[in-house]
Protein backbone atom coordinates (compact mmCIF):
# COMPACT_ATOMS: atom_id res chain seq x y z
CA UNK A 1 84.65 -97.86 83.38
CA UNK A 2 86.75 -99.78 81.49
CA UNK A 3 87.30 -102.03 78.07
CA UNK A 4 85.08 -105.07 79.37
CA UNK A 5 82.30 -103.26 80.92
CA UNK A 6 82.19 -101.12 76.88
CA UNK A 7 82.44 -104.66 75.69
CA UNK A 8 79.44 -106.08 77.63
CA UNK A 9 77.61 -102.97 76.78
CA UNK A 10 78.54 -103.91 73.16
CA UNK A 11 77.19 -107.37 73.36
CA UNK A 12 73.83 -106.38 74.57
CA UNK A 13 73.48 -103.41 72.04
CA UNK A 14 74.33 -105.85 69.52
CA UNK A 15 71.99 -108.90 70.32
CA UNK A 16 69.27 -105.95 70.57
CA UNK A 17 69.88 -104.53 66.97
CA UNK A 18 69.37 -108.17 65.63
CA UNK A 19 65.67 -107.71 67.10
CA UNK A 20 64.96 -104.52 64.95
CA UNK A 21 62.48 -104.56 62.30
CA UNK A 22 63.76 -101.29 60.87
CA UNK A 23 60.20 -100.06 58.39
CA UNK A 24 62.73 -99.08 55.58
CA UNK A 25 65.95 -99.81 53.34
CA UNK A 26 67.64 -96.87 55.08
CA UNK A 27 66.70 -97.89 59.19
CA UNK A 28 68.14 -101.35 57.95
CA UNK A 29 71.34 -100.40 56.28
CA UNK A 30 72.33 -98.20 58.81
CA UNK A 31 71.27 -100.76 61.77
CA UNK A 32 73.36 -103.38 59.75
CA UNK A 33 76.60 -101.36 59.53
CA UNK A 34 76.26 -100.54 63.26
CA UNK A 35 75.90 -104.09 64.22
CA UNK A 36 79.16 -104.99 61.54
CA UNK A 37 80.68 -101.84 63.41
CA UNK A 38 80.69 -103.11 66.77
CA UNK A 39 81.01 -107.09 66.14
CA UNK A 40 84.20 -105.65 64.22
CA UNK A 41 85.11 -104.20 68.14
CA UNK A 42 84.18 -107.02 69.89
CA UNK A 43 86.83 -108.99 67.64
CA UNK A 44 89.58 -106.67 68.01
CA UNK A 45 91.74 -106.90 71.23
CA UNK A 46 93.27 -103.26 70.92
CA UNK A 47 91.58 -100.26 71.23
CA UNK A 48 91.65 -98.63 67.66
CA UNK A 49 90.43 -95.22 68.25
CA UNK A 50 89.33 -95.10 64.24
CA UNK A 51 86.44 -97.83 65.14
CA UNK A 52 85.38 -96.39 68.24
CA UNK A 53 84.95 -92.89 66.31
CA UNK A 54 83.02 -94.11 64.00
CA UNK A 55 80.90 -96.37 66.10
CA UNK A 56 80.59 -93.35 67.77
CA UNK A 57 79.33 -91.23 64.91
CA UNK A 58 77.20 -93.72 63.85
CA UNK A 59 75.45 -94.28 67.13
CA UNK A 60 75.05 -90.35 67.32
CA UNK A 61 73.30 -90.61 63.48
CA UNK A 62 71.08 -93.68 65.06
CA UNK A 63 69.90 -92.06 68.44
CA UNK A 64 68.45 -89.54 66.08
CA UNK A 65 66.37 -91.55 63.74
CA UNK A 66 65.61 -94.43 66.34
CA UNK A 67 64.72 -92.30 69.29
CA UNK A 68 60.83 -92.11 69.63
CA UNK A 69 60.45 -95.72 67.90
CA UNK A 70 63.18 -98.08 69.91
CA UNK A 71 63.81 -95.87 72.85
CA UNK A 72 65.07 -99.19 74.50
CA UNK A 73 67.68 -99.51 72.02
CA UNK A 74 68.73 -95.75 71.93
CA UNK A 75 69.08 -95.78 75.67
CA UNK A 76 71.46 -98.45 75.45
CA UNK A 77 72.92 -96.61 72.46
CA UNK A 78 73.48 -93.55 74.52
CA UNK A 79 75.20 -95.40 77.39
CA UNK A 80 77.65 -97.20 75.08
CA UNK A 81 78.61 -93.56 73.35
CA UNK A 82 79.13 -92.44 77.18
CA UNK A 83 81.31 -95.67 78.20
CA UNK A 84 83.57 -94.24 74.95
CA UNK A 85 84.20 -91.12 75.88
CA UNK A 86 84.90 -92.04 79.26
CA UNK A 87 87.30 -94.17 77.73
CA UNK A 88 88.97 -90.83 75.78
CA UNK A 89 88.11 -92.72 72.66
């Protein structure tokens, strides 16, 4: 899997995150940060390991918190996590 494939998945996840209605302020804040992290990565031409690591950590937290309520989005999150790991970031 390459960076282009990862960016495709990030675009899908970013779009899905925009559609989620979070039940509380903490979840809204978490989703907003994820969307911002993803957008920064998509806008950057180079792989910044710190950005990917930060996204990786927040995605793991989001999967845990949102798995029951949003299984489709958490599946995309897991796919992105796998791709980040595959790239060795």
